[in-house]
Amino acid sequence: MILFPNGKCPKCAGVVSFTDVLSIVTPFQCIYCACCGAMIFLKRKWRLTLIAFGLSVVVLFTGLTLVLYAGWSQFTAYMAAALFLILMEWVTTVHIIRHQGLVVRRES
């Protein structure tokens, strides 16, 4: 298993690096292929937006529960939430790359 797999451009099959896909901050942004210059977008952007929203709600209420009822300090709950969200970002990016979640919507 490759820890940071590279994707492929849907138009020219050029290499799209893991960090390029990771740099898509919102599902509505695009990246450019270094080989052909095509604008590459995420294929299922609304699904990823809903997953991100759901994860943020879960992390918020889990953090509040841990601080109020489990006696965790706010800093510990914050660090646990940050590490969890970093892990989920990595898992989502690997899933996008492995399942060909990139698409060319416009020609440049």
C-alpha atoms as a PDB file:
ATOM      1  CA  MET A   1       0.000   0.000   0.000  1.00  0.00           C
ATOM      2  CA  ILE A   2       1.372   3.383  -0.994  1.00  0.00           C
ATOM      3  CA  LEU A   3       0.960   5.950   1.745  1.00  0.00           C
ATOM      4  CA  PHE A   4       0.670   8.933  -0.628  1.00  0.00           C
ATOM      5  CA  PRO A   5      -0.560   7.642  -4.014  1.00  0.00           C
ATOM      6  CA  ASN A   6      -0.516   9.790  -7.148  1.00  0.00           C
ATOM      7  CA  GLY A   7      -3.581  10.220  -9.328  1.00  0.00           C
ATOM      8  CA  LYS A   8      -3.940  10.494 -13.075  1.00  0.00           C
ATOM      9  CA  CYS A   9      -5.363  13.259 -15.220  1.00  0.00           C
ATOM     10  CA  PRO A  10      -8.642  12.071 -16.813  1.00  0.00           C
ATOM     11  CA  LYS A  11      -7.734  13.794 -20.087  1.00  0.00           C
ATOM     12  CA  CYS A  12      -4.084  12.892 -20.766  1.00  0.00           C
ATOM     13  CA  ALA A  13      -3.321  10.305 -18.022  1.00  0.00           C
ATOM     14  CA  GLY A  14      -0.558  12.576 -16.715  1.00  0.00           C
ATOM     15  CA  VAL A  15       0.489  12.373 -13.089  1.00  0.00           C
ATOM     16  CA  VAL A  16      -1.472  14.426 -10.557  1.00  0.00           C
ATOM     17  CA  SER A  17       0.353  14.409  -7.245  1.00  0.00           C
ATOM     18  CA  PHE A  18      -1.206  13.574  -3.887  1.00  0.00           C
ATOM     19  CA  THR A  19      -0.489  17.076  -2.580  1.00  0.00           C
ATOM     20  CA  ASP A  20      -2.217  18.642  -5.594  1.00  0.00           C
ATOM     21  CA  VAL A  21      -5.413  16.729  -4.814  1.00  0.00           C
ATOM     22  CA  LEU A  22      -4.981  17.527  -1.123  1.00  0.00           C
ATOM     23  CA  SER A  23      -4.718  21.236  -1.992  1.00  0.00           C
ATOM     24  CA  ILE A  24      -8.348  21.351  -3.149  1.00  0.00           C
ATOM     25  CA  VAL A  25      -9.617  23.214  -0.096  1.00  0.00           C
ATOM     26  CA  THR A  26     -13.260  23.347  -1.095  1.00  0.00           C
ATOM     27  CA  PRO A  27     -14.990  20.852  -3.393  1.00  0.00           C
ATOM     28  CA  PHE A  28     -15.682  23.632  -5.895  1.00  0.00           C
ATOM     29  CA  GLN A  29     -12.047  24.541  -6.559  1.00  0.00           C
ATOM     30  CA  CYS A  30      -9.964  23.066  -9.351  1.00  0.00           C
ATOM     31  CA  ILE A  31      -6.379  22.049  -9.963  1.00  0.00           C
ATOM     32  CA  TYR A  32      -4.517  22.135 -13.244  1.00  0.00           C
ATOM     33  CA  CYS A  33      -2.800  19.203 -14.923  1.00  0.00           C
ATOM     34  CA  ALA A  34       0.933  19.870 -15.299  1.00  0.00           C
ATOM     35  CA  CYS A  35       1.041  17.950 -18.604  1.00  0.00           C
ATOM     36  CA  CYS A  36      -1.948  19.223 -20.608  1.00  0.00           C
ATOM     37  CA  GLY A  37      -3.205  22.185 -18.539  1.00  0.00           C
ATOM     38  CA  ALA A  38      -6.740  20.799 -18.130  1.00  0.00           C
ATOM     39  CA  MET A  39      -8.898  22.050 -15.262  1.00  0.00           C
ATOM     40  CA  ILE A  40      -9.505  19.079 -12.963  1.00  0.00           C
ATOM     41  CA  PHE A  41     -12.420  19.064 -10.517  1.00  0.00           C
ATOM     42  CA  LEU A  42     -13.774  16.590  -7.990  1.00  0.00           C
ATOM     43  CA  LYS A  43     -16.369  14.228  -9.400  1.00  0.00           C
ATOM     44  CA  ARG A  44     -18.736  13.968  -6.411  1.00  0.00           C
ATOM     45  CA  LYS A  45     -18.400  17.382  -4.810  1.00  0.00           C
ATOM     46  CA  TRP A  46     -21.780  17.527  -3.032  1.00  0.00           C
ATOM     47  CA  ARG A  47     -21.260  14.143  -1.406  1.00  0.00           C
ATOM     48  CA  LEU A  48     -17.849  15.241  -0.127  1.00  0.00           C
ATOM     49  CA  THR A  49     -19.325  18.511   1.145  1.00  0.00           C
ATOM     50  CA  LEU A  50     -21.973  16.622   3.135  1.00  0.00           C
ATOM     51  CA  ILE A  51     -19.369  14.206   4.518  1.00  0.00           C
ATOM     52  CA  ALA A  52     -17.205  17.151   5.649  1.00  0.00           C
ATOM     53  CA  PHE A  53     -20.195  18.863   7.271  1.00  0.00           C
ATOM     54  CA  GLY A  54     -21.197  15.641   9.044  1.00  0.00           C
ATOM     55  CA  LEU A  55     -17.673  15.075  10.326  1.00  0.00           C
ATOM     56  CA  SER A  56     -17.495  18.620  11.683  1.00  0.00           C
ATOM     57  CA  VAL A  57     -20.772  18.177  13.574  1.00  0.00           C
ATOM     58  CA  VAL A  58     -19.629  14.830  15.007  1.00  0.00           C
ATOM     59  CA  VAL A  59     -16.276  16.283  16.089  1.00  0.00           C
ATOM     60  CA  LEU A  60     -17.956  19.311  17.688  1.00  0.00           C
ATOM     61  CA  PHE A  61     -20.394  17.293  19.789  1.00  0.00           C
ATOM     62  CA  THR A  62     -17.814  14.632  20.665  1.00  0.00           C
ATOM     63  CA  GLY A  63     -15.405  17.346  21.824  1.00  0.00           C
ATOM     64  CA  LEU A  64     -18.075  19.024  23.930  1.00  0.00           C
ATOM     65  CA  THR A  65     -19.038  15.687  25.467  1.00  0.00           C
ATOM     66  CA  LEU A  66     -15.430  14.829  26.299  1.00  0.00           C
ATOM     67  CA  VAL A  67     -14.807  18.216  27.901  1.00  0.00           C
ATOM     68  CA  LEU A  68     -18.055  18.374  29.876  1.00  0.00           C
ATOM     69  CA  TYR A  69     -18.551  14.761  30.973  1.00  0.00           C
ATOM     70  CA  ALA A  70     -15.233  12.910  30.622  1.00  0.00           C
ATOM     71  CA  GLY A  71     -13.108  15.585  32.261  1.00  0.00           C
ATOM     72  CA  TRP A  72     -10.735  16.164  29.350  1.00  0.00           C
ATOM     73  CA  SER A  73      -9.053  19.538  29.165  1.00  0.00           C
ATOM     74  CA  GLN A  74     -10.017  21.792  26.294  1.00  0.00           C
ATOM     75  CA  PHE A  75      -6.521  21.534  24.819  1.00  0.00           C
ATOM     76  CA  THR A  76      -6.597  17.721  24.830  1.00  0.00           C
ATOM     77  CA  ALA A  77     -10.018  17.659  23.177  1.00  0.00           C
ATOM     78  CA  TYR A  78      -8.836  20.210  20.600  1.00  0.00           C
ATOM     79  CA  MET A  79      -5.709  18.180  19.772  1.00  0.00           C
ATOM     80  CA  ALA A  80      -7.714  14.942  19.487  1.00  0.00           C
ATOM     81  CA  ALA A  81     -10.202  16.647  17.158  1.00  0.00           C
ATOM     82  CA  ALA A  82      -7.420  18.157  15.036  1.00  0.00           C
ATOM     83  CA  LEU A  83      -5.635  14.803  14.683  1.00  0.00           C
ATOM     84  CA  PHE A  84      -8.903  13.079  13.789  1.00  0.00           C
ATOM     85  CA  LEU A  85      -9.711  15.657  11.102  1.00  0.00           C
ATOM     86  CA  ILE A  86      -6.179  15.428   9.653  1.00  0.00           C
ATOM     87  CA  LEU A  87      -6.562  11.649   9.448  1.00  0.00           C
ATOM     88  CA  MET A  88      -9.968  11.988   7.768  1.00  0.00           C
ATOM     89  CA  GLU A  89      -8.543  14.462   5.230  1.00  0.00           C
ATOM     90  CA  TRP A  90      -5.820  11.971   4.327  1.00  0.00           C
ATOM     91  CA  VAL A  91      -8.316   9.073   4.057  1.00  0.00           C
ATOM     92  CA  THR A  92     -10.644  11.135   1.853  1.00  0.00           C
ATOM     93  CA  THR A  93      -7.801  12.179  -0.461  1.00  0.00           C
ATOM     94  CA  VAL A  94      -6.589   8.589  -0.828  1.00  0.00           C
ATOM     95  CA  HIS A  95     -10.182   7.513  -1.578  1.00  0.00           C
ATOM     96  CA  ILE A  96     -10.543  10.199  -4.268  1.00  0.00           C
ATOM     97  CA  ILE A  97      -7.306   9.152  -5.955  1.00  0.00           C
ATOM     98  CA  ARG A  98      -7.927   5.404  -5.804  1.00  0.00           C
ATOM     99  CA  HIS A  99     -11.504   5.591  -7.103  1.00  0.00           C
ATOM    100  CA  GLN A 100     -10.810   8.019  -9.955  1.00  0.00           C
ATOM    101  CA  GLY A 101     -12.714  10.841  -8.287  1.00  0.00           C
ATOM    102  CA  LEU A 102     -11.246  13.500 -10.589  1.00  0.00           C
ATOM    103  CA  VAL A 103     -12.944  14.780 -13.734  1.00  0.00           C
ATOM    104  CA  VAL A 104     -12.209  17.366 -16.450  1.00  0.00           C
ATOM    105  CA  ARG A 105     -15.221  19.675 -16.741  1.00  0.00           C
ATOM    106  CA  ARG A 106     -13.832  22.282 -19.149  1.00  0.00           C
ATOM    107  CA  GLU A 107     -11.215  22.354 -21.818  1.00  0.00           C
ATOM    108  CA  SER A 108      -8.532  24.981 -21.371  1.00  0.00           C
END
